[in-house]
PDB file of N, CA and C in Angstrom:
ATOM      1  N   MET A   1      62.248  93.644 140.782  1.00  0.00           N
ATOM      2  CA  MET A   1      62.556  92.741 139.684  1.00  0.00           C
ATOM      3  C   MET A   1      62.836  91.333 140.217  1.00  0.00           C
ATOM      4  N   ASP A   2      62.220  90.977 141.335  1.00  0.00           N
ATOM      5  CA  ASP A   2      62.408  89.636 141.877  1.00  0.00           C
ATOM      6  C   ASP A   2      61.540  88.620 141.164  1.00  0.00           C
ATOM      7  N   ASN A   3      60.565  89.089 140.434  1.00  0.00           N
ATOM      8  CA  ASN A   3      59.653  88.193 139.729  1.00  0.00           C
ATOM      9  C   ASN A   3      60.354  87.604 138.498  1.00  0.00           C
ATOM     10  N   PRO A   4      60.470  86.269 138.400  1.00  0.00           N
ATOM     11  CA  PRO A   4      61.160  85.663 137.250  1.00  0.00           C
ATOM     12  C   PRO A   4      60.457  85.924 135.917  1.00  0.00           C
ATOM     13  N   VAL A   5      59.149  86.081 135.952  1.00  0.00           N
ATOM     14  CA  VAL A   5      58.411  86.367 134.718  1.00  0.00           C
ATOM     15  C   VAL A   5      58.786  87.754 134.205  1.00  0.00           C
ATOM     16  N   MET A   6      58.896  88.703 135.097  1.00  0.00           N
ATOM     17  CA  MET A   6      59.275  90.061 134.703  1.00  0.00           C
ATOM     18  C   MET A   6      60.710  90.095 134.182  1.00  0.00           C
ATOM     19  N   GLN A   7      61.589  89.331 134.797  1.00  0.00           N
ATOM     20  CA  GLN A   7      62.972  89.267 134.326  1.00  0.00           C
ATOM     21  C   GLN A   7      63.031  88.683 132.921  1.00  0.00           C
ATOM     22  N   SER A   8      62.272  87.639 132.676  1.00  0.00           N
ATOM     23  CA  SER A   8      62.231  87.021 131.344  1.00  0.00           C
ATOM     24  C   SER A   8      61.658  87.993 130.321  1.00  0.00           C
ATOM     25  N   PHE A   9      60.606  88.686 130.710  1.00  0.00           N
ATOM     26  CA  PHE A   9      59.991  89.656 129.809  1.00  0.00           C
ATOM     27  C   PHE A   9      60.971  90.784 129.490  1.00  0.00           C
ATOM     28  N   PHE A  10      61.675  91.279 130.495  1.00  0.00           N
ATOM     29  CA  PHE A  10      62.657  92.337 130.301  1.00  0.00           C
ATOM     30  C   PHE A  10      63.777  91.877 129.367  1.00  0.00           C
ATOM     31  N   MET A  11      64.257  90.655 129.552  1.00  0.00           N
ATOM     32  CA  MET A  11      65.322  90.115 128.695  1.00  0.00           C
ATOM     33  C   MET A  11      64.842  89.969 127.250  1.00  0.00           C
ATOM     34  N   LEU A  12      63.604  89.551 127.070  1.00  0.00           N
ATOM     35  CA  LEU A  12      63.043  89.416 125.725  1.00  0.00           C
ATOM     36  C   LEU A  12      62.972  90.778 125.035  1.00  0.00           C
ATOM     37  N   ILE A  13      62.489  91.773 125.735  1.00  0.00           N
ATOM     38  CA  ILE A  13      62.412  93.127 125.177  1.00  0.00           C
ATOM     39  C   ILE A  13      63.810  93.640 124.855  1.00  0.00           C
ATOM     40  N   LEU A  14      64.756  93.414 125.735  1.00  0.00           N
ATOM     41  CA  LEU A  14      66.133  93.848 125.509  1.00  0.00           C
ATOM     42  C   LEU A  14      66.718  93.178 124.264  1.00  0.00           C
ATOM     43  N   MET A  15      66.471  91.895 124.095  1.00  0.00           N
ATOM     44  CA  MET A  15      66.968  91.177 122.915  1.00  0.00           C
ATOM     45  C   MET A  15      66.339  91.721 121.633  1.00  0.00           C
ATOM     46  N   LEU A  16      65.057  92.043 121.669  1.00  0.00           N
ATOM     47  CA  LEU A  16      64.391  92.598 120.491  1.00  0.00           C
ATOM     48  C   LEU A  16      64.961  93.963 120.122  1.00  0.00           C
ATOM     49  N   VAL A  17      65.240  94.788 121.114  1.00  0.00           N
ATOM     50  CA  VAL A  17      65.826  96.106 120.857  1.00  0.00           C
ATOM     51  C   VAL A  17      67.224  95.957 120.259  1.00  0.00           C
ATOM     52  N   ILE A  18      68.021  95.071 120.808  1.00  0.00           N
ATOM     53  CA  ILE A  18      69.367  94.833 120.272  1.00  0.00           C
ATOM     54  C   ILE A  18      69.287  94.295 118.851  1.00  0.00           C
ATOM     55  N   PHE A  19      68.380  93.363 118.611  1.00  0.00           N
ATOM     56  CA  PHE A  19      68.175  92.798 117.278  1.00  0.00           C
ATOM     57  C   PHE A  19      67.826  93.900 116.280  1.00  0.00           C
ATOM     58  N   TYR A  20      66.945  94.807 116.689  1.00  0.00           N
ATOM     59  CA  TYR A  20      66.539  95.902 115.810  1.00  0.00           C
ATOM     60  C   TYR A  20      67.740  96.768 115.436  1.00  0.00           C
ATOM     61  N   PHE A  21      68.536  97.176 116.414  1.00  0.00           N
ATOM     62  CA  PHE A  21      69.639  98.096 116.138  1.00  0.00           C
ATOM     63  C   PHE A  21      70.829  97.435 115.459  1.00  0.00           C
ATOM     64  N   LEU A  22      71.006  96.134 115.621  1.00  0.00           N
ATOM     65  CA  LEU A  22      72.133  95.454 114.988  1.00  0.00           C
ATOM     66  C   LEU A  22      71.816  94.908 113.600  1.00  0.00           C
ATOM     67  N   LEU A  23      70.569  94.564 113.333  1.00  0.00           N
ATOM     68  CA  LEU A  23      70.240  93.924 112.064  1.00  0.00           C
ATOM     69  C   LEU A  23      69.260  94.711 111.199  1.00  0.00           C
ATOM     70  N   ILE A  24      68.144  95.086 111.750  1.00  0.00           N
ATOM     71  CA  ILE A  24      67.081  95.682 110.939  1.00  0.00           C
ATOM     72  C   ILE A  24      67.422  97.102 110.509  1.00  0.00           C
ATOM     73  N   ARG A  25      67.853  97.933 111.425  1.00  0.00           N
ATOM     74  CA  ARG A  25      68.130  99.335 111.092  1.00  0.00           C
ATOM     75  C   ARG A  25      69.250  99.498 110.061  1.00  0.00           C
ATOM     76  N   PRO A  26      70.387  98.799 110.181  1.00  0.00           N
ATOM     77  CA  PRO A  26      71.423  98.920 109.142  1.00  0.00           C
ATOM     78  C   PRO A  26      70.935  98.459 107.766  1.00  0.00           C
ATOM     79  N   GLN A  27      70.110  97.413 107.734  1.00  0.00           N
ATOM     80  CA  GLN A  27      69.572  96.947 106.457  1.00  0.00           C
ATOM     81  C   GLN A  27      68.668  98.010 105.834  1.00  0.00           C
ATOM     82  N   GLN A  28      67.868  98.682 106.647  1.00  0.00           N
ATOM     83  CA  GLN A  28      67.010  99.748 106.140  1.00  0.00           C
ATOM     84  C   GLN A  28      67.845 100.894 105.579  1.00  0.00           C
ATOM     85  N   LYS A  29      68.947 101.234 106.233  1.00  0.00           N
ATOM     86  CA  LYS A  29      69.830 102.294 105.738  1.00  0.00           C
ATOM     87  C   LYS A  29      70.451 101.910 104.402  1.00  0.00           C
ATOM     88  N   ARG A  30      70.916 100.653 104.288  1.00  0.00           N
ATOM     89  CA  ARG A  30      71.496 100.196 103.019  1.00  0.00           C
ATOM     90  C   ARG A  30      70.459 100.233 101.906  1.00  0.00           C
ATOM     91  N   GLN A  31      69.243  99.783 102.196  1.00  0.00           N
ATOM     92  CA  GLN A  31      68.183  99.765 101.193  1.00  0.00           C
ATOM     93  C   GLN A  31      67.842 101.186 100.750  1.00  0.00           C
ATOM     94  N   ARG A  32      67.788 102.116 101.685  1.00  0.00           N
ATOM     95  CA  ARG A  32      67.491 103.510 101.352  1.00  0.00           C
ATOM     96  C   ARG A  32      68.592 104.098 100.466  1.00  0.00           C
ATOM     97  N   ALA A  33      69.853 103.790 100.764  1.00  0.00           N
ATOM     98  CA  ALA A  33      70.971 104.293  99.960  1.00  0.00           C
ATOM     99  C   ALA A  33      70.921 103.724  98.546  1.00  0.00           C
ATOM    100  N   ILE A  34      70.574 102.453  98.403  1.00  0.00           N
ATOM    101  CA  ILE A  34      70.466 101.838  97.077  1.00  0.00           C
ATOM    102  C   ILE A  34      69.338 102.483  96.287  1.00  0.00           C
ATOM    103  N   GLN A  35      68.197 102.714  96.929  1.00  0.00           N
ATOM    104  CA  GLN A  35      67.075 103.349  96.241  1.00  0.00           C
ATOM    105  C   GLN A  35      67.428 104.766  95.798  1.00  0.00           C
ATOM    106  N   GLU A  36      68.147 105.511  96.630  1.00  0.00           N
ATOM    107  CA  GLU A  36      68.563 106.862  96.254  1.00  0.00           C
ATOM    108  C   GLU A  36      69.525 106.826  95.074  1.00  0.00           C
ATOM    109  N   MET A  37      70.455 105.866  95.071  1.00  0.00           N
ATOM    110  CA  MET A  37      71.401 105.729  93.964  1.00  0.00           C
ATOM    111  C   MET A  37      70.656 105.407  92.673  1.00  0.00           C
ATOM    112  N   GLN A  38      69.698 104.489  92.736  1.00  0.00           N
ATOM    113  CA  GLN A  38      68.951 104.105  91.545  1.00  0.00           C
ATOM    114  C   GLN A  38      68.060 105.243  91.049  1.00  0.00           C
ATOM    115  N   ALA A  39      67.543 106.046  91.952  1.00  0.00           N
ATOM    116  CA  ALA A  39      66.701 107.173  91.558  1.00  0.00           C
ATOM    117  C   ALA A  39      67.522 108.308  90.950  1.00  0.00           C
ATOM    118  N   SER A  40      68.817 108.395  91.289  1.00  0.00           N
ATOM    119  CA  SER A  40      69.643 109.499  90.802  1.00  0.00           C
ATOM    120  C   SER A  40      70.445 109.137  89.553  1.00  0.00           C
ATOM    121  N   LEU A  41      70.146 108.001  88.931  1.00  0.00           N
ATOM    122  CA  LEU A  41      70.863 107.622  87.711  1.00  0.00           C
ATOM    123  C   LEU A  41      70.671 108.669  86.626  1.00  0.00           C
ATOM    124  N   GLN A  42      71.719 108.897  85.841  1.00  0.00           N
ATOM    125  CA  GLN A  42      71.672 109.852  84.737  1.00  0.00           C
ATOM    126  C   GLN A  42      72.286 109.222  83.504  1.00  0.00           C
ATOM    127  N   LYS A  43      71.912 109.763  82.363  1.00  0.00           N
ATOM    128  CA  LYS A  43      72.502 109.303  81.114  1.00  0.00           C
ATOM    129  C   LYS A  43      74.009 109.556  81.161  1.00  0.00           C
ATOM    130  N   GLY A  44      74.790 108.545  80.798  1.00  0.00           N
ATOM    131  CA  GLY A  44      76.244 108.665  80.792  1.00  0.00           C
ATOM    132  C   GLY A  44      76.928 108.060  82.006  1.00  0.00           C
ATOM    133  N   ASP A  45      76.161 107.710  83.049  1.00  0.00           N
ATOM    134  CA  ASP A  45      76.752 107.066  84.226  1.00  0.00           C
ATOM    135  C   ASP A  45      77.290 105.690  83.852  1.00  0.00           C
ATOM    136  N   LYS A  46      78.448 105.352  84.384  1.00  0.00           N
ATOM    137  CA  LYS A  46      78.993 103.999  84.208  1.00  0.00           C
ATOM    138  C   LYS A  46      78.493 103.172  85.386  1.00  0.00           C
ATOM    139  N   VAL A  47      77.825 102.042  85.078  1.00  0.00           N
ATOM    140  CA  VAL A  47      77.160 101.255  86.110  1.00  0.00           C
ATOM    141  C   VAL A  47      77.530  99.779  86.021  1.00  0.00           C
ATOM    142  N   VAL A  48      77.204  99.057  87.100  1.00  0.00           N
ATOM    143  CA  VAL A  48      77.325  97.602  87.148  1.00  0.00           C
ATOM    144  C   VAL A  48      75.969  97.064  87.583  1.00  0.00           C
ATOM    145  N   THR A  49      75.475  96.037  86.883  1.00  0.00           N
ATOM    146  CA  THR A  49      74.199  95.433  87.250  1.00  0.00           C
ATOM    147  C   THR A  49      74.413  94.347  88.296  1.00  0.00           C
ATOM    148  N   ILE A  50      73.318  93.843  88.842  1.00  0.00           N
ATOM    149  CA  ILE A  50      73.422  92.765  89.828  1.00  0.00           C
ATOM    150  C   ILE A  50      73.951  91.487  89.191  1.00  0.00           C
ATOM    151  N   GLY A  51      73.886  91.381  87.872  1.00  0.00           N
ATOM    152  CA  GLY A  51      74.428  90.227  87.167  1.00  0.00           C
ATOM    153  C   GLY A  51      75.886  90.393  86.781  1.00  0.00           C
ATOM    154  N   GLY A  52      76.471  91.568  87.069  1.00  0.00           N
ATOM    155  CA  GLY A  52      77.883  91.799  86.783  1.00  0.00           C
ATOM    156  C   GLY A  52      78.160  92.479  85.459  1.00  0.00           C
ATOM    157  N   LEU A  53      77.134  92.885  84.723  1.00  0.00           N
ATOM    158  CA  LEU A  53      77.327  93.563  83.440  1.00  0.00           C
ATOM    159  C   LEU A  53      77.795  94.994  83.682  1.00  0.00           C
ATOM    160  N   HIS A  54      78.874  95.380  83.018  1.00  0.00           N
ATOM    161  CA  HIS A  54      79.390  96.747  83.092  1.00  0.00           C
ATOM    162  C   HIS A  54      78.956  97.471  81.833  1.00  0.00           C
ATOM    163  N   GLY A  55      78.491  98.704  81.989  1.00  0.00           N
ATOM    164  CA  GLY A  55      78.085  99.478  80.832  1.00  0.00           C
ATOM    165  C   GLY A  55      77.812 100.917  81.200  1.00  0.00           C
ATOM    166  N   THR A  56      77.314 101.649  80.211  1.00  0.00           N
ATOM    167  CA  THR A  56      77.010 103.065  80.372  1.00  0.00           C
ATOM    168  C   THR A  56      75.522 103.275  80.161  1.00  0.00           C
ATOM    169  N   VAL A  57      74.903 104.082  81.022  1.00  0.00           N
ATOM    170  CA  VAL A  57      73.478 104.363  80.886  1.00  0.00           C
ATOM    171  C   VAL A  57      73.268 105.144  79.600  1.00  0.00           C
ATOM    172  N   ASP A  58      72.434 104.587  78.715  1.00  0.00           N
ATOM    173  CA  ASP A  58      72.154 105.207  77.426  1.00  0.00           C
ATOM    174  C   ASP A  58      70.863 106.005  77.478  1.00  0.00           C
ATOM    175  N   SER A  59      69.854 105.475  78.154  1.00  0.00           N
ATOM    176  CA  SER A  59      68.599 106.201  78.332  1.00  0.00           C
ATOM    177  C   SER A  59      67.869 105.655  79.550  1.00  0.00           C
ATOM    178  N   LEU A  60      66.935 106.448  80.057  1.00  0.00           N
ATOM    179  CA  LEU A  60      66.196 106.111  81.270  1.00  0.00           C
ATOM    180  C   LEU A  60      64.725 106.411  81.073  1.00  0.00           C
ATOM    181  N   ASP A  61      63.883 105.665  81.766  1.00  0.00           N
ATOM    182  CA  ASP A  61      62.500 106.079  81.951  1.00  0.00           C
ATOM    183  C   ASP A  61      62.107 105.725  83.378  1.00  0.00           C
ATOM    184  N   GLU A  62      60.836 105.747  83.688  1.00  0.00           N
ATOM    185  CA  GLU A  62      60.379 105.574  85.071  1.00  0.00           C
ATOM    186  C   GLU A  62      60.922 104.316  85.747  1.00  0.00           C
ATOM    187  N   GLY A  63      60.842 103.166  85.085  1.00  0.00           N
ATOM    188  CA  GLY A  63      61.226 101.932  85.744  1.00  0.00           C
ATOM    189  C   GLY A  63      62.351 101.167  85.089  1.00  0.00           C
ATOM    190  N   THR A  64      62.817 101.621  83.927  1.00  0.00           N
ATOM    191  CA  THR A  64      63.844 100.865  83.211  1.00  0.00           C
ATOM    192  C   THR A  64      65.042 101.742  82.861  1.00  0.00           C
ATOM    193  N   VAL A  65      66.144 101.054  82.582  1.00  0.00           N
ATOM    194  CA  VAL A  65      67.391 101.702  82.186  1.00  0.00           C
ATOM    195  C   VAL A  65      67.911 100.960  80.970  1.00  0.00           C
ATOM    196  N   VAL A  66      68.313 101.686  79.935  1.00  0.00           N
ATOM    197  CA  VAL A  66      68.956 101.072  78.777  1.00  0.00           C
ATOM    198  C   VAL A  66      70.453 101.276  78.943  1.00  0.00           C
ATOM    199  N   ILE A  67      71.187 100.153  78.937  1.00  0.00           N
ATOM    200  CA  ILE A  67      72.631 100.184  79.154  1.00  0.00           C
ATOM    201  C   ILE A  67      73.341  99.840  77.857  1.00  0.00           C
ATOM    202  N   ARG A  68      74.323 100.672  77.492  1.00  0.00           N
ATOM    203  CA  ARG A  68      75.148 100.425  76.305  1.00  0.00           C
ATOM    204  C   ARG A  68      76.415  99.714  76.769  1.00  0.00           C
ATOM    205  N   CYS A  69      76.667  98.564  76.174  1.00  0.00           N
ATOM    206  CA  CYS A  69      77.835  97.750  76.541  1.00  0.00           C
ATOM    207  C   CYS A  69      79.020  98.142  75.671  1.00  0.00           C
ATOM    208  N   GLY A  70      80.165  97.533  75.940  1.00  0.00           N
ATOM    209  CA  GLY A  70      81.400  97.840  75.227  1.00  0.00           C
ATOM    210  C   GLY A  70      81.326  97.593  73.734  1.00  0.00           C
ATOM    211  N   ASP A  71      80.553  96.591  73.307  1.00  0.00           N
ATOM    212  CA  ASP A  71      80.462  96.289  71.879  1.00  0.00           C
ATOM    213  C   ASP A  71      79.380  97.101  71.178  1.00  0.00           C
ATOM    214  N   GLY A  72      78.739  98.017  71.892  1.00  0.00           N
ATOM    215  CA  GLY A  72      77.723  98.874  71.302  1.00  0.00           C
ATOM    216  C   GLY A  72      76.307  98.352  71.443  1.00  0.00           C
ATOM    217  N   SER A  73      76.139  97.146  71.941  1.00  0.00           N
ATOM    218  CA  SER A  73      74.785  96.613  72.114  1.00  0.00           C
ATOM    219  C   SER A  73      74.079  97.362  73.242  1.00  0.00           C
ATOM    220  N   ARG A  74      72.766  97.439  73.120  1.00  0.00           N
ATOM    221  CA  ARG A  74      71.960  98.143  74.109  1.00  0.00           C
ATOM    222  C   ARG A  74      71.038  97.131  74.778  1.00  0.00           C
ATOM    223  N   LEU A  75      71.075  97.083  76.100  1.00  0.00           N
ATOM    224  CA  LEU A  75      70.274  96.139  76.871  1.00  0.00           C
ATOM    225  C   LEU A  75      69.381  96.906  77.831  1.00  0.00           C
ATOM    226  N   THR A  76      68.136  96.444  77.979  1.00  0.00           N
ATOM    227  CA  THR A  76      67.177  97.104  78.858  1.00  0.00           C
ATOM    228  C   THR A  76      67.072  96.337  80.173  1.00  0.00           C
ATOM    229  N   TYR A  77      67.199  97.053  81.280  1.00  0.00           N
ATOM    230  CA  TYR A  77      67.123  96.473  82.623  1.00  0.00           C
ATOM    231  C   TYR A  77      66.148  97.282  83.466  1.00  0.00           C
ATOM    232  N   ASP A  78      65.605  96.640  84.496  1.00  0.00           N
ATOM    233  CA  ASP A  78      64.861  97.379  85.512  1.00  0.00           C
ATOM    234  C   ASP A  78      65.852  98.229  86.298  1.00  0.00           C
ATOM    235  N   ARG A  79      65.388  99.357  86.800  1.00  0.00           N
ATOM    236  CA  ARG A  79      66.271 100.196  87.622  1.00  0.00           C
ATOM    237  C   ARG A  79      66.789  99.429  88.832  1.00  0.00           C
ATOM    238  N   SER A  80      65.975  98.533  89.354  1.00  0.00           N
ATOM    239  CA  SER A  80      66.379  97.778  90.551  1.00  0.00           C
ATOM    240  C   SER A  80      67.520  96.810  90.269  1.00  0.00           C
ATOM    241  N   ALA A  81      67.858  96.578  89.000  1.00  0.00           N
ATOM    242  CA  ALA A  81      68.956  95.674  88.648  1.00  0.00           C
ATOM    243  C   ALA A  81      70.312  96.374  88.676  1.00  0.00           C
ATOM    244  N   ILE A  82      70.335  97.678  88.896  1.00  0.00           N
ATOM    245  CA  ILE A  82      71.604  98.410  88.961  1.00  0.00           C
ATOM    246  C   ILE A  82      72.160  98.270  90.373  1.00  0.00           C
ATOM    247  N   ARG A  83      73.352  97.681  90.486  1.00  0.00           N
ATOM    248  CA  ARG A  83      73.967  97.449  91.795  1.00  0.00           C
ATOM    249  C   ARG A  83      74.771  98.651  92.265  1.00  0.00           C
ATOM    250  N   GLU A  84      75.544  99.257  91.350  1.00  0.00           N
ATOM    251  CA  GLU A  84      76.360 100.397  91.764  1.00  0.00           C
ATOM    252  C   GLU A  84      76.693 101.278  90.571  1.00  0.00           C
ATOM    253  N   VAL A  85      77.002 102.521  90.880  1.00  0.00           N
ATOM    254  CA  VAL A  85      77.466 103.477  89.883  1.00  0.00           C
ATOM    255  C   VAL A  85      78.972 103.591  90.066  1.00  0.00           C
ATOM    256  N   LEU A  86      79.714 103.248  89.008  1.00  0.00           N
ATOM    257  CA  LEU A  86      81.176 103.311  89.078  1.00  0.00           C
ATOM    258  C   LEU A  86      81.685 104.726  88.874  1.00  0.00           C
ATOM    259  N   GLU A  87      81.028 105.438  87.960  1.00  0.00           N
ATOM    260  CA  GLU A  87      81.476 106.791  87.625  1.00  0.00           C
ATOM    261  C   GLU A  87      80.262 107.589  87.180  1.00  0.00           C
ATOM    262  N   LYS A  88      80.070 108.746  87.808  1.00  0.00           N
ATOM    263  CA  LYS A  88      78.961 109.612  87.427  1.00  0.00           C
ATOM    264  C   LYS A  88      79.278 110.277  86.094  1.00  0.00           C
ATOM    265  N   ALA A  89      78.224 110.607  85.356  1.00  0.00           N
ATOM    266  CA  ALA A  89      78.390 111.279  84.072  1.00  0.00           C
ATOM    267  C   ALA A  89      79.001 112.654  84.288  1.00  0.00           C
ATOM    268  N   SER A  90      79.897 113.038  83.393  1.00  0.00           N
ATOM    269  CA  SER A  90      80.479 114.376  83.490  1.00  0.00           C
ATOM    270  C   SER A  90      79.448 115.379  83.011  1.00  0.00           C
ATOM    271  N   LYS A  91      79.380 116.480  83.703  1.00  0.00           N
ATOM    272  CA  LYS A  91      78.353 117.490  83.395  1.00  0.00           C
ATOM    273  C   LYS A  91      78.772 118.351  82.246  1.00  0.00           C
TER     274      LYS A  91
END
């Protein structure tokens, strides 16, 4: 490893590996968890959208979710707009 070019190449590869494990892999795990949460939505779940709207899932289809708000209004959102599930529907 006396060759400076090889040392530079080794350091570059090492930095890329560290970058992958510190930044890319955790982001992929978070994205996978969000997709699983959005795919497992059920009628009656209490949810929060990315815009901060709190409501209850009223109905679902392939790509959209209808959310019932506190005043009884029903709003249609894409599934990807659901940020978190606060409470799962009781079975």
